[in-house]
Amino acid sequence: MCKSLLLSRLPYFHLLPTAAYRAVLRAFAEKPTRTESLIATKRTGIATAEFESLSQRLGYRILSQRFYAINPMYAYRFGVQPREQARWIAAHESLRDFVTTCAYYVLQPEPKA
């Protein structure tokens, strides 16, 4: 989490290109160790379709999935109630990944033959 109150409450700025993201963090005097941690978190991002494909290739079945327009964690960070993503948005991969703030999956290993 960012030390700067403004940055900690600013949604989506992590979607900036890495160089711009780093520059914003530096401009708001974030510590280098915190900046590197946030950059590492940004680099681990994965699209939901890519996660689903990877899960299937590794032998897992998706039992359930939930996509959120408002991340449940935001209740603590911003005081707003979580909201699940509209079904019509969740059905469109590209749109879903652009506007979804959080996704939860329940996986089960496929039985081995």
C-alpha atoms as a PDB file:
ATOM      1  CA  MET A   1       0.000   0.000   0.000  1.00  0.00           C
ATOM      2  CA  CYS A   2       1.144   3.496  -0.746  1.00  0.00           C
ATOM      3  CA  LYS A   3       2.217   5.813   2.065  1.00  0.00           C
ATOM      4  CA  SER A   4       0.634   8.765   0.273  1.00  0.00           C
ATOM      5  CA  LEU A   5      -3.033   9.076   1.240  1.00  0.00           C
ATOM      6  CA  LEU A   6      -3.887  10.353  -2.242  1.00  0.00           C
ATOM      7  CA  LEU A   7      -2.236   7.415  -4.009  1.00  0.00           C
ATOM      8  CA  SER A   8      -3.672   4.855  -1.587  1.00  0.00           C
ATOM      9  CA  ARG A   9      -7.151   6.069  -2.555  1.00  0.00           C
ATOM     10  CA  LEU A  10      -6.545   6.531  -6.279  1.00  0.00           C
ATOM     11  CA  PRO A  11      -7.972   3.596  -8.245  1.00  0.00           C
ATOM     12  CA  TYR A  12      -6.488   2.327 -11.509  1.00  0.00           C
ATOM     13  CA  PHE A  13      -3.240   4.338 -11.492  1.00  0.00           C
ATOM     14  CA  HIS A  14      -1.391   1.011 -11.328  1.00  0.00           C
ATOM     15  CA  LEU A  15      -2.554   0.489 -14.924  1.00  0.00           C
ATOM     16  CA  LEU A  16      -0.123   3.145 -16.121  1.00  0.00           C
ATOM     17  CA  PRO A  17       2.912   1.907 -18.044  1.00  0.00           C
ATOM     18  CA  THR A  18       5.592   0.762 -15.588  1.00  0.00           C
ATOM     19  CA  ALA A  19       7.870   3.768 -16.169  1.00  0.00           C
ATOM     20  CA  ALA A  20       5.002   6.209 -15.566  1.00  0.00           C
ATOM     21  CA  TYR A  21       3.813   4.212 -12.542  1.00  0.00           C
ATOM     22  CA  ARG A  22       7.327   4.341 -11.065  1.00  0.00           C
ATOM     23  CA  ALA A  23       7.551   8.100 -11.761  1.00  0.00           C
ATOM     24  CA  VAL A  24       4.242   8.752  -9.968  1.00  0.00           C
ATOM     25  CA  LEU A  25       5.381   6.702  -6.965  1.00  0.00           C
ATOM     26  CA  ARG A  26       8.670   8.624  -6.902  1.00  0.00           C
ATOM     27  CA  ALA A  27       6.858  11.974  -7.218  1.00  0.00           C
ATOM     28  CA  PHE A  28       4.814  11.117  -4.124  1.00  0.00           C
ATOM     29  CA  ALA A  29       7.979  10.149  -2.187  1.00  0.00           C
ATOM     30  CA  GLU A  30       7.242   6.470  -1.820  1.00  0.00           C
ATOM     31  CA  LYS A  31      10.224   4.567  -0.384  1.00  0.00           C
ATOM     32  CA  PRO A  32      12.312   2.660  -2.959  1.00  0.00           C
ATOM     33  CA  THR A  33      11.575  -0.667  -1.251  1.00  0.00           C
ATOM     34  CA  ARG A  34       7.838   0.005  -1.312  1.00  0.00           C
ATOM     35  CA  THR A  35       8.047   1.166  -4.940  1.00  0.00           C
ATOM     36  CA  GLU A  36       9.822  -2.053  -5.971  1.00  0.00           C
ATOM     37  CA  SER A  37       7.260  -4.133  -4.101  1.00  0.00           C
ATOM     38  CA  LEU A  38       4.387  -2.359  -5.877  1.00  0.00           C
ATOM     39  CA  ILE A  39       6.129  -2.744  -9.263  1.00  0.00           C
ATOM     40  CA  ALA A  40       6.602  -6.482  -8.589  1.00  0.00           C
ATOM     41  CA  THR A  41       2.903  -6.796  -7.760  1.00  0.00           C
ATOM     42  CA  LYS A  42       2.010  -4.966 -10.977  1.00  0.00           C
ATOM     43  CA  ARG A  43       4.183  -7.326 -13.045  1.00  0.00           C
ATOM     44  CA  THR A  44       2.424 -10.408 -11.673  1.00  0.00           C
ATOM     45  CA  GLY A  45      -0.928  -9.326 -13.101  1.00  0.00           C
ATOM     46  CA  ILE A  46      -2.683 -11.924 -15.241  1.00  0.00           C
ATOM     47  CA  ALA A  47      -5.819 -11.704 -17.359  1.00  0.00           C
ATOM     48  CA  THR A  48      -8.729 -13.817 -16.165  1.00  0.00           C
ATOM     49  CA  ALA A  49      -8.885 -15.749 -19.445  1.00  0.00           C
ATOM     50  CA  GLU A  50      -5.164 -16.488 -19.134  1.00  0.00           C
ATOM     51  CA  PHE A  51      -5.674 -17.698 -15.555  1.00  0.00           C
ATOM     52  CA  GLU A  52      -8.553 -19.944 -16.638  1.00  0.00           C
ATOM     53  CA  SER A  53      -6.521 -21.404 -19.499  1.00  0.00           C
ATOM     54  CA  LEU A  54      -3.506 -21.975 -17.255  1.00  0.00           C
ATOM     55  CA  SER A  55      -5.665 -23.642 -14.605  1.00  0.00           C
ATOM     56  CA  GLN A  56      -7.118 -26.014 -17.188  1.00  0.00           C
ATOM     57  CA  ARG A  57      -3.675 -26.856 -18.651  1.00  0.00           C
ATOM     58  CA  LEU A  58      -2.395 -27.640 -15.151  1.00  0.00           C
ATOM     59  CA  GLY A  59      -5.275 -30.018 -14.503  1.00  0.00           C
ATOM     60  CA  TYR A  60      -7.706 -27.947 -12.463  1.00  0.00           C
ATOM     61  CA  ARG A  61     -11.428 -27.548 -12.902  1.00  0.00           C
ATOM     62  CA  ILE A  62     -13.098 -24.235 -12.063  1.00  0.00           C
ATOM     63  CA  LEU A  63     -15.884 -24.913  -9.591  1.00  0.00           C
ATOM     64  CA  SER A  64     -16.938 -21.298  -9.179  1.00  0.00           C
ATOM     65  CA  GLN A  65     -15.827 -17.812 -10.073  1.00  0.00           C
ATOM     66  CA  ARG A  66     -16.836 -14.332  -8.961  1.00  0.00           C
ATOM     67  CA  PHE A  67     -15.892 -11.073 -10.598  1.00  0.00           C
ATOM     68  CA  TYR A  68     -16.177  -7.809  -8.718  1.00  0.00           C
ATOM     69  CA  ALA A  69     -16.752  -4.297 -10.003  1.00  0.00           C
ATOM     70  CA  ILE A  70     -15.916  -3.092  -6.491  1.00  0.00           C
ATOM     71  CA  ASN A  71     -13.313  -5.236  -4.766  1.00  0.00           C
ATOM     72  CA  PRO A  72     -14.393  -6.549  -1.333  1.00  0.00           C
ATOM     73  CA  MET A  73     -11.102  -5.161   0.054  1.00  0.00           C
ATOM     74  CA  TYR A  74     -12.332  -1.665  -0.841  1.00  0.00           C
ATOM     75  CA  ALA A  75     -14.760  -1.878   2.088  1.00  0.00           C
ATOM     76  CA  TYR A  76     -11.698  -1.526   4.340  1.00  0.00           C
ATOM     77  CA  ARG A  77      -9.664   0.802   2.152  1.00  0.00           C
ATOM     78  CA  PHE A  78     -12.360   3.190   0.939  1.00  0.00           C
ATOM     79  CA  GLY A  79     -15.484   2.390   2.977  1.00  0.00           C
ATOM     80  CA  VAL A  80     -17.506   1.277  -0.060  1.00  0.00           C
ATOM     81  CA  GLN A  81     -19.538  -1.894  -0.285  1.00  0.00           C
ATOM     82  CA  PRO A  82     -18.379  -4.674  -2.641  1.00  0.00           C
ATOM     83  CA  ARG A  83     -20.346  -5.175  -5.837  1.00  0.00           C
ATOM     84  CA  GLU A  84     -20.235  -8.164  -8.094  1.00  0.00           C
ATOM     85  CA  GLN A  85     -19.598  -7.474 -11.742  1.00  0.00           C
ATOM     86  CA  ALA A  86     -22.667  -7.364 -14.001  1.00  0.00           C
ATOM     87  CA  ARG A  87     -23.131 -10.728 -15.740  1.00  0.00           C
ATOM     88  CA  TRP A  88     -23.124  -9.212 -19.202  1.00  0.00           C
ATOM     89  CA  ILE A  89     -19.717  -7.619 -18.487  1.00  0.00           C
ATOM     90  CA  ALA A  90     -18.324 -10.807 -16.924  1.00  0.00           C
ATOM     91  CA  ALA A  91     -19.330 -12.674 -20.100  1.00  0.00           C
ATOM     92  CA  HIS A  92     -17.039 -10.510 -22.303  1.00  0.00           C
ATOM     93  CA  GLU A  93     -13.387 -11.293 -21.530  1.00  0.00           C
ATOM     94  CA  SER A  94     -11.800  -8.084 -22.805  1.00  0.00           C
ATOM     95  CA  LEU A  95     -14.315  -5.786 -21.164  1.00  0.00           C
ATOM     96  CA  ARG A  96     -14.319  -7.905 -18.004  1.00  0.00           C
ATOM     97  CA  ASP A  97     -10.558  -7.624 -17.541  1.00  0.00           C
ATOM     98  CA  PHE A  98     -10.628  -3.884 -18.068  1.00  0.00           C
ATOM     99  CA  VAL A  99     -13.296  -3.023 -15.491  1.00  0.00           C
ATOM    100  CA  THR A 100     -13.119  -5.861 -12.954  1.00  0.00           C
ATOM    101  CA  THR A 101     -11.160  -4.960  -9.822  1.00  0.00           C
ATOM    102  CA  CYS A 102     -11.050  -8.454  -8.342  1.00  0.00           C
ATOM    103  CA  ALA A 103     -11.766 -12.071  -9.268  1.00  0.00           C
ATOM    104  CA  TYR A 104     -12.116 -15.063  -6.972  1.00  0.00           C
ATOM    105  CA  TYR A 105     -11.951 -18.654  -8.187  1.00  0.00           C
ATOM    106  CA  VAL A 106     -12.525 -21.990  -6.494  1.00  0.00           C
ATOM    107  CA  LEU A 107     -10.490 -24.710  -8.210  1.00  0.00           C
ATOM    108  CA  GLN A 108     -10.427 -28.475  -7.860  1.00  0.00           C
ATOM    109  CA  PRO A 109      -7.768 -30.818  -9.208  1.00  0.00           C
ATOM    110  CA  GLU A 110      -9.091 -33.031 -12.003  1.00  0.00           C
ATOM    111  CA  PRO A 111      -9.007 -36.714 -11.068  1.00  0.00           C
ATOM    112  CA  LYS A 112      -5.974 -38.441 -12.546  1.00  0.00           C
ATOM    113  CA  ALA A 113      -6.720 -41.147 -15.059  1.00  0.00           C
END
